[in-house]
Amino acid sequence: MSSNDQLIHAAAGAAGGVVAMTLTYPLIFLSTRAAVDIKREDKSTFQAVADVIQSEGLRGLYSGLNSSLLGIAITNGVYYFFYEKSRAALLSSSPRKGGALTTLESMLAGLLAGSATTIASNPLWVIQTTQAVRTLPSTSAPSQVPEPQGPKKKLGFLATIRYILRTDGIAAFWRGIGPALVLVMNPILQYTVFEQLKNALIARRLGKLRAAKSIHVPALSSLDYFLLGALSKLVATTLTYPYIVIKSRMQSGHSHTREYKSSWDGLTKIVQREGMAGLYRGIGSKLVQSVLTAAILFAGQRRFYEMTKSALITYGPKPKK
């Protein structure tokens, strides 16, 4: 793949991520609020949506979308940059035929790029989480500058930055960095589960073909890849979701999360006070959002690539004659 194609794929991935984020953001919003809210009131997704619309209007479901879209754009750009740097370093470290990384090397490059991306983009997700949970009652963080009593109004992107700086200082933009770095393992888990499921499915179909004395080679359809991708995402999200909860709580800066000394300490306190169910608050919305995102990216992957390529050819810099 040429460098131009790599750039187009990266830009297409960013475009797809922005579209998927915009379409599924209400589910991200609901899962974030559910993870942070410690009240033991169980609500269905429909009831949670109805409550937000009643109290904040339809726009309330999109609180924090602006910072999320900026976060997606920066995340894709930073990840692509550091992945290519890590890949080049690994390729130059040992002689080989071709320019392909081994599976282990790909995972290592992904881990390095994911860690760098997490550190660089964490401030944006702190802003997004703060915006999403801003209007939750009775859980606001203590501020050195008292706020007016009564219902809290939503804050814009710049106003949220000023609020965080005023209440907690610049270090607050890296709240929750510990669990966020642990969550770098999520795509690695997804990739591992995907490969194992794919190999098992191919082996099963190969066994049937051999039993029927067929000479055909088993092939996976587009639907197979979509279902395997969705299932592997569900497994990875379910396994790592407790760290999504603790990350959301620490990034929110709410008063009941200030006592979490570390990720493990936060997880322990949640289990002690809320039971194991506390580690999975909002998982329903998150799983639905993850599957819908996979469907959107899967269905539009080629379309995003063609549109991005066309735009770069039309509006990009022209080669010198």
C-alpha atoms as a PDB file:
ATOM      1  CA  MET A   1       0.000   0.000   0.000  1.00  0.00           C
ATOM      2  CA  SER A   2       1.432   3.380  -1.028  1.00  0.00           C
ATOM      3  CA  SER A   3       1.797   6.295   1.372  1.00  0.00           C
ATOM      4  CA  ASN A   4      -1.048   8.073  -0.467  1.00  0.00           C
ATOM      5  CA  ASP A   5      -3.340   5.090   0.018  1.00  0.00           C
ATOM      6  CA  GLN A   6      -2.370   4.927   3.681  1.00  0.00           C
ATOM      7  CA  LEU A   7      -3.236   8.612   4.072  1.00  0.00           C
ATOM      8  CA  ILE A   8      -6.580   8.099   2.316  1.00  0.00           C
ATOM      9  CA  HIS A   9      -7.402   5.108   4.523  1.00  0.00           C
ATOM     10  CA  ALA A  10      -6.509   7.140   7.626  1.00  0.00           C
ATOM     11  CA  ALA A  11      -8.656  10.083   6.472  1.00  0.00           C
ATOM     12  CA  ALA A  12     -11.500   7.719   5.547  1.00  0.00           C
ATOM     13  CA  GLY A  13     -11.253   6.111   8.964  1.00  0.00           C
ATOM     14  CA  ALA A  14     -11.494   9.528  10.592  1.00  0.00           C
ATOM     15  CA  ALA A  15     -14.503  10.445   8.426  1.00  0.00           C
ATOM     16  CA  GLY A  16     -16.200   7.152   9.245  1.00  0.00           C
ATOM     17  CA  GLY A  17     -15.483   7.653  12.928  1.00  0.00           C
ATOM     18  CA  VAL A  18     -17.033  11.147  12.865  1.00  0.00           C
ATOM     19  CA  VAL A  19     -20.187   9.876  11.103  1.00  0.00           C
ATOM     20  CA  ALA A  20     -20.532   6.903  13.466  1.00  0.00           C
ATOM     21  CA  MET A  21     -19.943   9.112  16.519  1.00  0.00           C
ATOM     22  CA  THR A  22     -22.577  11.625  15.384  1.00  0.00           C
ATOM     23  CA  LEU A  23     -25.218   8.967  14.714  1.00  0.00           C
ATOM     24  CA  THR A  24     -24.639   6.985  17.903  1.00  0.00           C
ATOM     25  CA  TYR A  25     -23.697   9.802  20.299  1.00  0.00           C
ATOM     26  CA  PRO A  26     -26.950   9.708  22.318  1.00  0.00           C
ATOM     27  CA  LEU A  27     -26.057   6.134  23.336  1.00  0.00           C
ATOM     28  CA  ILE A  28     -22.537   7.249  24.336  1.00  0.00           C
ATOM     29  CA  PHE A  29     -24.092  10.109  26.305  1.00  0.00           C
ATOM     30  CA  LEU A  30     -26.487   7.749  28.124  1.00  0.00           C
ATOM     31  CA  SER A  31     -23.834   5.134  28.939  1.00  0.00           C
ATOM     32  CA  THR A  32     -21.478   7.840  30.287  1.00  0.00           C
ATOM     33  CA  ARG A  33     -24.153   9.293  32.551  1.00  0.00           C
ATOM     34  CA  ALA A  34     -25.231   5.845  33.723  1.00  0.00           C
ATOM     35  CA  ALA A  35     -21.621   4.955  34.566  1.00  0.00           C
ATOM     36  CA  VAL A  36     -21.136   8.117  36.644  1.00  0.00           C
ATOM     37  CA  ASP A  37     -24.561   8.307  38.315  1.00  0.00           C
ATOM     38  CA  ILE A  38     -24.450   6.362  41.610  1.00  0.00           C
ATOM     39  CA  LYS A  39     -28.177   6.486  42.280  1.00  0.00           C
ATOM     40  CA  ARG A  40     -29.620   2.972  42.392  1.00  0.00           C
ATOM     41  CA  GLU A  41     -32.596   3.864  40.212  1.00  0.00           C
ATOM     42  CA  ASP A  42     -32.749   1.391  37.347  1.00  0.00           C
ATOM     43  CA  LYS A  43     -34.100   2.837  34.121  1.00  0.00           C
ATOM     44  CA  SER A  44     -34.601   1.444  30.663  1.00  0.00           C
ATOM     45  CA  THR A  45     -32.831   3.173  27.789  1.00  0.00           C
ATOM     46  CA  PHE A  46     -36.191   4.513  26.598  1.00  0.00           C
ATOM     47  CA  GLN A  47     -36.972   5.984  30.020  1.00  0.00           C
ATOM     48  CA  ALA A  48     -33.495   7.527  30.284  1.00  0.00           C
ATOM     49  CA  VAL A  49     -33.948   9.171  26.871  1.00  0.00           C
ATOM     50  CA  ALA A  50     -37.411  10.439  27.826  1.00  0.00           C
ATOM     51  CA  ASP A  51     -36.107  11.925  31.093  1.00  0.00           C
ATOM     52  CA  VAL A  52     -33.260  13.773  29.351  1.00  0.00           C
ATOM     53  CA  ILE A  53     -35.563  15.157  26.654  1.00  0.00           C
ATOM     54  CA  GLN A  54     -38.103  16.263  29.263  1.00  0.00           C
ATOM     55  CA  SER A  55     -35.529  18.062  31.435  1.00  0.00           C
ATOM     56  CA  GLU A  56     -32.998  19.284  28.857  1.00  0.00           C
ATOM     57  CA  GLY A  57     -34.665  18.989  25.477  1.00  0.00           C
ATOM     58  CA  LEU A  58     -33.539  16.929  22.487  1.00  0.00           C
ATOM     59  CA  ARG A  59     -30.228  18.821  22.376  1.00  0.00           C
ATOM     60  CA  GLY A  60     -29.454  17.441  25.831  1.00  0.00           C
ATOM     61  CA  LEU A  61     -28.723  14.050  24.265  1.00  0.00           C
ATOM     62  CA  TYR A  62     -25.872  15.695  22.339  1.00  0.00           C
ATOM     63  CA  SER A  63     -24.137  17.443  25.245  1.00  0.00           C
ATOM     64  CA  GLY A  64     -20.409  17.000  24.645  1.00  0.00           C
ATOM     65  CA  LEU A  65     -20.723  16.003  20.977  1.00  0.00           C
ATOM     66  CA  ASN A  66     -18.437  18.838  19.834  1.00  0.00           C
ATOM     67  CA  SER A  67     -15.561  17.708  22.052  1.00  0.00           C
ATOM     68  CA  SER A  68     -16.200  14.081  21.046  1.00  0.00           C
ATOM     69  CA  LEU A  69     -15.933  14.871  17.340  1.00  0.00           C
ATOM     70  CA  LEU A  70     -12.727  16.823  17.948  1.00  0.00           C
ATOM     71  CA  GLY A  71     -11.494  13.915  20.055  1.00  0.00           C
ATOM     72  CA  ILE A  72     -12.215  11.421  17.270  1.00  0.00           C
ATOM     73  CA  ALA A  73     -10.389  13.551  14.690  1.00  0.00           C
ATOM     74  CA  ILE A  74      -7.331  14.013  16.907  1.00  0.00           C
ATOM     75  CA  THR A  75      -7.373  10.388  18.050  1.00  0.00           C
ATOM     76  CA  ASN A  76      -7.302   9.115  14.470  1.00  0.00           C
ATOM     77  CA  GLY A  77      -4.568  11.525  13.433  1.00  0.00           C
ATOM     78  CA  VAL A  78      -2.328  10.917  16.440  1.00  0.00           C
ATOM     79  CA  TYR A  79      -2.874   7.147  16.307  1.00  0.00           C
ATOM     80  CA  TYR A  80      -1.993   6.997  12.606  1.00  0.00           C
ATOM     81  CA  PHE A  81       1.158   9.084  13.144  1.00  0.00           C
ATOM     82  CA  PHE A  82       2.466   7.019  16.065  1.00  0.00           C
ATOM     83  CA  TYR A  83       1.468   3.683  14.501  1.00  0.00           C
ATOM     84  CA  GLU A  84       3.443   4.475  11.357  1.00  0.00           C
ATOM     85  CA  LYS A  85       6.436   5.608  13.457  1.00  0.00           C
ATOM     86  CA  SER A  86       6.269   2.422  15.568  1.00  0.00           C
ATOM     87  CA  ARG A  87       5.849   0.283  12.463  1.00  0.00           C
ATOM     88  CA  ALA A  88       8.866   1.864  10.770  1.00  0.00           C
ATOM     89  CA  ALA A  89      10.991   1.366  13.892  1.00  0.00           C
ATOM     90  CA  LEU A  90       9.995  -2.299  14.168  1.00  0.00           C
ATOM     91  CA  LEU A  91      10.644  -2.943  10.469  1.00  0.00           C
ATOM     92  CA  SER A  92      14.095  -1.368  10.643  1.00  0.00           C
ATOM     93  CA  SER A  93      15.018  -3.226  13.823  1.00  0.00           C
ATOM     94  CA  SER A  94      15.400  -6.618  12.113  1.00  0.00           C
ATOM     95  CA  PRO A  95      15.951  -7.689   8.482  1.00  0.00           C
ATOM     96  CA  ARG A  96      13.020  -9.416   6.783  1.00  0.00           C
ATOM     97  CA  LYS A  97      11.443 -10.114   3.446  1.00  0.00           C
ATOM     98  CA  GLY A  98       8.672  -7.702   2.543  1.00  0.00           C
ATOM     99  CA  GLY A  99       7.278  -4.906   4.641  1.00  0.00           C
ATOM    100  CA  ALA A 100       4.768  -6.769   6.795  1.00  0.00           C
ATOM    101  CA  LEU A 101       4.740  -6.945  10.584  1.00  0.00           C
ATOM    102  CA  THR A 102       4.140 -10.161  12.458  1.00  0.00           C
ATOM    103  CA  THR A 103       0.958 -10.457  14.527  1.00  0.00           C
ATOM    104  CA  LEU A 104       2.893  -9.795  17.727  1.00  0.00           C
ATOM    105  CA  GLU A 105       4.638  -6.787  16.202  1.00  0.00           C
ATOM    106  CA  SER A 106       1.307  -5.396  14.967  1.00  0.00           C
ATOM    107  CA  MET A 107      -0.078  -5.676  18.494  1.00  0.00           C
ATOM    108  CA  LEU A 108       3.025  -3.973  19.920  1.00  0.00           C
ATOM    109  CA  ALA A 109       2.778  -1.128  17.396  1.00  0.00           C
ATOM    110  CA  GLY A 110      -0.916  -0.776  18.229  1.00  0.00           C
ATOM    111  CA  LEU A 111      -0.140  -0.727  21.953  1.00  0.00           C
ATOM    112  CA  LEU A 112       2.498   2.009  21.553  1.00  0.00           C
ATOM    113  CA  ALA A 113       0.311   4.091  19.253  1.00  0.00           C
ATOM    114  CA  GLY A 114      -2.736   3.596  21.481  1.00  0.00           C
ATOM    115  CA  SER A 115      -0.843   4.686  24.590  1.00  0.00           C
ATOM    116  CA  ALA A 116       0.491   7.832  22.910  1.00  0.00           C
ATOM    117  CA  THR A 117      -2.969   8.627  21.534  1.00  0.00           C
ATOM    118  CA  THR A 118      -4.597   8.155  24.945  1.00  0.00           C
ATOM    119  CA  ILE A 119      -2.176  10.535  26.648  1.00  0.00           C
ATOM    120  CA  ALA A 120      -2.599  13.179  23.917  1.00  0.00           C
ATOM    121  CA  SER A 121      -6.397  12.984  23.664  1.00  0.00           C
ATOM    122  CA  ASN A 122      -7.353  12.464  27.331  1.00  0.00           C
ATOM    123  CA  PRO A 123      -8.065  16.207  27.904  1.00  0.00           C
ATOM    124  CA  LEU A 124     -10.755  16.109  25.210  1.00  0.00           C
ATOM    125  CA  TRP A 125     -12.490  13.109  26.782  1.00  0.00           C
ATOM    126  CA  VAL A 126     -12.355  14.805  30.196  1.00  0.00           C
ATOM    127  CA  ILE A 127     -14.124  17.780  28.596  1.00  0.00           C
ATOM    128  CA  GLN A 128     -16.680  15.498  26.909  1.00  0.00           C
ATOM    129  CA  THR A 129     -17.423  13.584  30.116  1.00  0.00           C
ATOM    130  CA  THR A 130     -17.730  16.816  32.098  1.00  0.00           C
ATOM    131  CA  GLN A 131     -20.216  18.160  29.555  1.00  0.00           C
ATOM    132  CA  ALA A 132     -22.212  14.910  29.463  1.00  0.00           C
ATOM    133  CA  VAL A 133     -22.652  14.652  33.245  1.00  0.00           C
ATOM    134  CA  ARG A 134     -22.843  18.386  33.934  1.00  0.00           C
ATOM    135  CA  THR A 135     -26.573  18.378  34.723  1.00  0.00           C
ATOM    136  CA  LEU A 136     -26.612  15.239  36.871  1.00  0.00           C
ATOM    137  CA  PRO A 137     -28.055  16.231  40.274  1.00  0.00           C
ATOM    138  CA  SER A 138     -26.338  15.993  43.668  1.00  0.00           C
ATOM    139  CA  THR A 139     -22.994  14.746  42.436  1.00  0.00           C
ATOM    140  CA  SER A 140     -21.171  17.889  41.434  1.00  0.00           C
ATOM    141  CA  ALA A 141     -17.568  18.375  42.352  1.00  0.00           C
ATOM    142  CA  PRO A 142     -16.758  20.950  45.023  1.00  0.00           C
ATOM    143  CA  SER A 143     -15.462  24.143  43.522  1.00  0.00           C
ATOM    144  CA  GLN A 144     -13.232  26.821  44.974  1.00  0.00           C
ATOM    145  CA  VAL A 145     -15.493  29.270  43.158  1.00  0.00           C
ATOM    146  CA  PRO A 146     -19.091  28.638  44.311  1.00  0.00           C
ATOM    147  CA  GLU A 147     -21.657  28.349  41.565  1.00  0.00           C
ATOM    148  CA  PRO A 148     -25.182  29.756  41.711  1.00  0.00           C
ATOM    149  CA  GLN A 149     -27.731  27.487  43.352  1.00  0.00           C
ATOM    150  CA  GLY A 150     -30.430  25.816  41.291  1.00  0.00           C
ATOM    151  CA  PRO A 151     -30.375  23.760  38.084  1.00  0.00           C
ATOM    152  CA  LYS A 152     -27.047  23.778  36.297  1.00  0.00           C
ATOM    153  CA  LYS A 153     -26.900  25.055  32.765  1.00  0.00           C
ATOM    154  CA  LYS A 154     -25.001  23.213  30.069  1.00  0.00           C
ATOM    155  CA  LEU A 155     -21.583  24.579  29.187  1.00  0.00           C
ATOM    156  CA  GLY A 156     -20.009  24.911  25.772  1.00  0.00           C
ATOM    157  CA  PHE A 157     -16.581  23.622  24.837  1.00  0.00           C
ATOM    158  CA  LEU A 158     -14.555  26.701  25.834  1.00  0.00           C
ATOM    159  CA  ALA A 159     -16.715  27.348  28.912  1.00  0.00           C
ATOM    160  CA  THR A 160     -16.084  23.766  30.071  1.00  0.00           C
ATOM    161  CA  ILE A 161     -12.328  24.248  29.683  1.00  0.00           C
ATOM    162  CA  ARG A 162     -12.495  27.408  31.807  1.00  0.00           C
ATOM    163  CA  TYR A 163     -14.660  25.612  34.399  1.00  0.00           C
ATOM    164  CA  ILE A 164     -12.197  22.711  34.731  1.00  0.00           C
ATOM    165  CA  LEU A 165      -9.215  25.066  34.997  1.00  0.00           C
ATOM    166  CA  ARG A 166     -11.016  27.178  37.599  1.00  0.00           C
ATOM    167  CA  THR A 167     -12.101  24.267  39.801  1.00  0.00           C
ATOM    168  CA  ASP A 168      -9.193  21.817  39.539  1.00  0.00           C
ATOM    169  CA  GLY A 169      -6.342  23.264  37.534  1.00  0.00           C
ATOM    170  CA  ILE A 170      -4.609  22.000  34.427  1.00  0.00           C
ATOM    171  CA  ALA A 171      -3.793  18.582  35.930  1.00  0.00           C
ATOM    172  CA  ALA A 172      -7.511  17.759  35.855  1.00  0.00           C
ATOM    173  CA  PHE A 173      -7.315  17.289  32.098  1.00  0.00           C
ATOM    174  CA  TRP A 174      -5.500  14.012  32.749  1.00  0.00           C
ATOM    175  CA  ARG A 175      -8.002  12.618  35.228  1.00  0.00           C
ATOM    176  CA  GLY A 176      -8.655   8.944  34.569  1.00  0.00           C
ATOM    177  CA  ILE A 177      -5.467   8.453  32.543  1.00  0.00           C
ATOM    178  CA  GLY A 178      -4.726   5.189  34.419  1.00  0.00           C
ATOM    179  CA  PRO A 179      -7.860   3.281  33.384  1.00  0.00           C
ATOM    180  CA  ALA A 180      -7.723   4.962  29.968  1.00  0.00           C
ATOM    181  CA  LEU A 181      -4.278   3.411  29.375  1.00  0.00           C
ATOM    182  CA  VAL A 182      -5.594   0.009  30.516  1.00  0.00           C
ATOM    183  CA  LEU A 183      -8.351   0.341  27.906  1.00  0.00           C
ATOM    184  CA  VAL A 184      -5.694   0.458  25.179  1.00  0.00           C
ATOM    185  CA  MET A 185      -5.944  -3.330  25.499  1.00  0.00           C
ATOM    186  CA  ASN A 186      -9.549  -3.266  24.220  1.00  0.00           C
ATOM    187  CA  PRO A 187      -8.746  -3.353  20.469  1.00  0.00           C
ATOM    188  CA  ILE A 188      -6.002  -5.928  21.101  1.00  0.00           C
ATOM    189  CA  LEU A 189      -8.535  -8.142  22.876  1.00  0.00           C
ATOM    190  CA  GLN A 190     -10.999  -7.574  20.053  1.00  0.00           C
ATOM    191  CA  TYR A 191      -8.385  -8.528  17.442  1.00  0.00           C
ATOM    192  CA  THR A 192      -7.382 -11.663  19.358  1.00  0.00           C
ATOM    193  CA  VAL A 193     -10.994 -12.806  19.821  1.00  0.00           C
ATOM    194  CA  PHE A 194     -11.744 -12.031  16.174  1.00  0.00           C
ATOM    195  CA  GLU A 195      -8.827 -14.136  14.947  1.00  0.00           C
ATOM    196  CA  GLN A 196      -9.724 -17.064  17.212  1.00  0.00           C
ATOM    197  CA  LEU A 197     -13.374 -17.000  16.130  1.00  0.00           C
ATOM    198  CA  LYS A 198     -12.384 -16.691  12.473  1.00  0.00           C
ATOM    199  CA  ASN A 199      -9.989 -19.626  12.700  1.00  0.00           C
ATOM    200  CA  ALA A 200     -12.604 -21.751  14.494  1.00  0.00           C
ATOM    201  CA  LEU A 201     -15.234 -20.959  11.848  1.00  0.00           C
ATOM    202  CA  ILE A 202     -12.857 -21.733   8.971  1.00  0.00           C
ATOM    203  CA  ALA A 203     -11.813 -25.013  10.645  1.00  0.00           C
ATOM    204  CA  ARG A 204     -15.470 -25.992  11.115  1.00  0.00           C
ATOM    205  CA  ARG A 205     -16.338 -25.303   7.489  1.00  0.00           C
ATOM    206  CA  LEU A 206     -13.181 -27.034   6.300  1.00  0.00           C
ATOM    207  CA  GLY A 207     -14.176 -30.120   8.282  1.00  0.00           C
ATOM    208  CA  LYS A 208     -17.591 -30.169   6.602  1.00  0.00           C
ATOM    209  CA  LEU A 209     -16.024 -29.797   3.153  1.00  0.00           C
ATOM    210  CA  ARG A 210     -13.592 -32.632   3.811  1.00  0.00           C
ATOM    211  CA  ALA A 211     -16.413 -34.814   5.091  1.00  0.00           C
ATOM    212  CA  ALA A 212     -18.240 -34.156   1.840  1.00  0.00           C
ATOM    213  CA  LYS A 213     -14.991 -34.853  -0.072  1.00  0.00           C
ATOM    214  CA  SER A 214     -15.084 -31.385  -1.589  1.00  0.00           C
ATOM    215  CA  ILE A 215     -11.969 -29.706  -2.984  1.00  0.00           C
ATOM    216  CA  HIS A 216     -13.276 -26.183  -2.348  1.00  0.00           C
ATOM    217  CA  VAL A 217     -11.487 -23.868   0.077  1.00  0.00           C
ATOM    218  CA  PRO A 218     -13.722 -22.391   2.810  1.00  0.00           C
ATOM    219  CA  ALA A 219     -14.230 -18.661   2.378  1.00  0.00           C
ATOM    220  CA  LEU A 220     -15.799 -16.113   4.696  1.00  0.00           C
ATOM    221  CA  SER A 221     -18.493 -13.796   3.402  1.00  0.00           C
ATOM    222  CA  SER A 222     -18.886 -10.099   4.171  1.00  0.00           C
ATOM    223  CA  LEU A 223     -21.691 -11.007   6.575  1.00  0.00           C
ATOM    224  CA  ASP A 224     -19.342 -13.450   8.345  1.00  0.00           C
ATOM    225  CA  TYR A 225     -16.756 -10.718   8.845  1.00  0.00           C
ATOM    226  CA  PHE A 226     -19.382  -8.302  10.133  1.00  0.00           C
ATOM    227  CA  LEU A 227     -20.818 -10.811  12.624  1.00  0.00           C
ATOM    228  CA  LEU A 228     -17.350 -11.871  13.792  1.00  0.00           C
ATOM    229  CA  GLY A 229     -16.341  -8.223  14.188  1.00  0.00           C
ATOM    230  CA  ALA A 230     -19.495  -7.399  16.152  1.00  0.00           C
ATOM    231  CA  LEU A 231     -19.145 -10.460  18.389  1.00  0.00           C
ATOM    232  CA  SER A 232     -15.467  -9.827  19.097  1.00  0.00           C
ATOM    233  CA  LYS A 233     -16.295  -6.195  19.938  1.00  0.00           C
ATOM    234  CA  LEU A 234     -19.002  -7.347  22.346  1.00  0.00           C
ATOM    235  CA  VAL A 235     -16.578  -9.699  24.092  1.00  0.00           C
ATOM    236  CA  ALA A 236     -13.810  -7.071  24.350  1.00  0.00           C
ATOM    237  CA  THR A 237     -16.203  -4.372  25.602  1.00  0.00           C
ATOM    238  CA  THR A 238     -17.788  -6.688  28.170  1.00  0.00           C
ATOM    239  CA  LEU A 239     -14.393  -7.729  29.557  1.00  0.00           C
ATOM    240  CA  THR A 240     -13.045  -4.174  29.801  1.00  0.00           C
ATOM    241  CA  TYR A 241     -16.259  -2.338  30.693  1.00  0.00           C
ATOM    242  CA  PRO A 242     -15.454  -1.973  34.434  1.00  0.00           C
ATOM    243  CA  TYR A 243     -12.480   0.163  33.415  1.00  0.00           C
ATOM    244  CA  ILE A 244     -14.774   2.241  31.174  1.00  0.00           C
ATOM    245  CA  VAL A 245     -16.937   2.898  34.248  1.00  0.00           C
ATOM    246  CA  ILE A 246     -14.006   3.891  36.462  1.00  0.00           C
ATOM    247  CA  LYS A 247     -12.507   6.035  33.664  1.00  0.00           C
ATOM    248  CA  SER A 248     -15.803   7.895  33.182  1.00  0.00           C
ATOM    249  CA  ARG A 249     -16.160   8.494  36.917  1.00  0.00           C
ATOM    250  CA  MET A 250     -12.612   9.746  37.367  1.00  0.00           C
ATOM    251  CA  GLN A 251     -12.818  11.978  34.288  1.00  0.00           C
ATOM    252  CA  SER A 252     -16.114  13.473  35.448  1.00  0.00           C
ATOM    253  CA  GLY A 253     -14.503  14.981  38.556  1.00  0.00           C
ATOM    254  CA  HIS A 254     -17.665  14.432  40.599  1.00  0.00           C
ATOM    255  CA  SER A 255     -17.375  14.490  44.366  1.00  0.00           C
ATOM    256  CA  HIS A 256     -17.985  10.773  44.928  1.00  0.00           C
ATOM    257  CA  THR A 257     -15.047   9.918  42.643  1.00  0.00           C
ATOM    258  CA  ARG A 258     -12.485  12.167  44.337  1.00  0.00           C
ATOM    259  CA  GLU A 259     -11.664   9.452  46.850  1.00  0.00           C
ATOM    260  CA  TYR A 260     -10.567   6.954  44.182  1.00  0.00           C
ATOM    261  CA  LYS A 261      -6.801   6.758  44.731  1.00  0.00           C
ATOM    262  CA  SER A 262      -6.235   4.497  41.731  1.00  0.00           C
ATOM    263  CA  SER A 263      -8.126   2.389  39.229  1.00  0.00           C
ATOM    264  CA  TRP A 264      -7.981  -0.661  41.502  1.00  0.00           C
ATOM    265  CA  ASP A 265      -9.063   1.364  44.527  1.00  0.00           C
ATOM    266  CA  GLY A 266     -12.011   2.743  42.546  1.00  0.00           C
ATOM    267  CA  LEU A 267     -13.058  -0.703  41.330  1.00  0.00           C
ATOM    268  CA  THR A 268     -12.860  -2.063  44.884  1.00  0.00           C
ATOM    269  CA  LYS A 269     -14.973   0.768  46.317  1.00  0.00           C
ATOM    270  CA  ILE A 270     -17.600   0.360  43.602  1.00  0.00           C
ATOM    271  CA  VAL A 271     -17.946  -3.369  44.338  1.00  0.00           C
ATOM    272  CA  GLN A 272     -18.146  -2.735  48.091  1.00  0.00           C
ATOM    273  CA  ARG A 273     -20.832  -0.040  47.802  1.00  0.00           C
ATOM    274  CA  GLU A 274     -22.775  -0.954  44.684  1.00  0.00           C
ATOM    275  CA  GLY A 275     -22.031  -4.626  44.136  1.00  0.00           C
ATOM    276  CA  MET A 276     -20.738  -6.159  40.914  1.00  0.00           C
ATOM    277  CA  ALA A 277     -23.629  -4.519  39.051  1.00  0.00           C
ATOM    278  CA  GLY A 278     -21.995  -1.142  39.715  1.00  0.00           C
ATOM    279  CA  LEU A 279     -19.116  -2.105  37.426  1.00  0.00           C
ATOM    280  CA  TYR A 280     -21.532  -2.529  34.526  1.00  0.00           C
ATOM    281  CA  ARG A 281     -23.710   0.574  34.802  1.00  0.00           C
ATOM    282  CA  GLY A 282     -24.737   1.696  31.330  1.00  0.00           C
ATOM    283  CA  ILE A 283     -23.332  -1.365  29.565  1.00  0.00           C
ATOM    284  CA  GLY A 284     -26.557  -1.917  27.610  1.00  0.00           C
ATOM    285  CA  SER A 285     -26.314   1.432  25.819  1.00  0.00           C
ATOM    286  CA  LYS A 286     -22.576   0.954  25.292  1.00  0.00           C
ATOM    287  CA  LEU A 287     -22.970  -2.484  23.695  1.00  0.00           C
ATOM    288  CA  VAL A 288     -25.715  -1.263  21.359  1.00  0.00           C
ATOM    289  CA  GLN A 289     -23.571   1.738  20.430  1.00  0.00           C
ATOM    290  CA  SER A 290     -20.537  -0.485  19.763  1.00  0.00           C
ATOM    291  CA  VAL A 291     -22.490  -2.807  17.459  1.00  0.00           C
ATOM    292  CA  LEU A 292     -24.128   0.099  15.589  1.00  0.00           C
ATOM    293  CA  THR A 293     -20.734   1.769  15.150  1.00  0.00           C
ATOM    294  CA  ALA A 294     -19.306  -1.469  13.739  1.00  0.00           C
ATOM    295  CA  ALA A 295     -22.293  -1.726  11.374  1.00  0.00           C
ATOM    296  CA  ILE A 296     -21.926   1.883  10.181  1.00  0.00           C
ATOM    297  CA  LEU A 297     -18.190   1.568   9.604  1.00  0.00           C
ATOM    298  CA  PHE A 298     -18.611  -1.827   7.924  1.00  0.00           C
ATOM    299  CA  ALA A 299     -21.421  -0.679   5.643  1.00  0.00           C
ATOM    300  CA  GLY A 300     -19.760   2.605   4.709  1.00  0.00           C
ATOM    301  CA  GLN A 301     -16.078   1.669   4.728  1.00  0.00           C
ATOM    302  CA  ARG A 302     -15.688   1.541   0.948  1.00  0.00           C
ATOM    303  CA  ARG A 303     -17.919   4.567   0.469  1.00  0.00           C
ATOM    304  CA  PHE A 304     -15.887   6.624   2.945  1.00  0.00           C
ATOM    305  CA  TYR A 305     -12.693   5.580   1.136  1.00  0.00           C
ATOM    306  CA  GLU A 306     -13.995   6.547  -2.321  1.00  0.00           C
ATOM    307  CA  MET A 307     -15.386   9.900  -1.093  1.00  0.00           C
ATOM    308  CA  THR A 308     -12.146  10.771   0.715  1.00  0.00           C
ATOM    309  CA  LYS A 309     -10.024   9.781  -2.290  1.00  0.00           C
ATOM    310  CA  SER A 310     -12.193  11.873  -4.611  1.00  0.00           C
ATOM    311  CA  ALA A 311     -12.022  14.871  -2.275  1.00  0.00           C
ATOM    312  CA  LEU A 312      -8.235  14.668  -1.969  1.00  0.00           C
ATOM    313  CA  ILE A 313      -7.842  14.402  -5.744  1.00  0.00           C
ATOM    314  CA  THR A 314     -10.217  17.332  -6.350  1.00  0.00           C
ATOM    315  CA  TYR A 315      -9.152  19.700  -3.592  1.00  0.00           C
ATOM    316  CA  GLY A 316      -5.686  18.425  -2.638  1.00  0.00           C
ATOM    317  CA  PRO A 317      -2.387  19.898  -3.785  1.00  0.00           C
ATOM    318  CA  LYS A 318      -1.692  19.400  -7.486  1.00  0.00           C
ATOM    319  CA  PRO A 319       1.600  17.755  -8.540  1.00  0.00           C
ATOM    320  CA  LYS A 320       4.138  20.143 -10.047  1.00  0.00           C
ATOM    321  CA  LYS A 321       4.718  19.793 -13.755  1.00  0.00           C
END
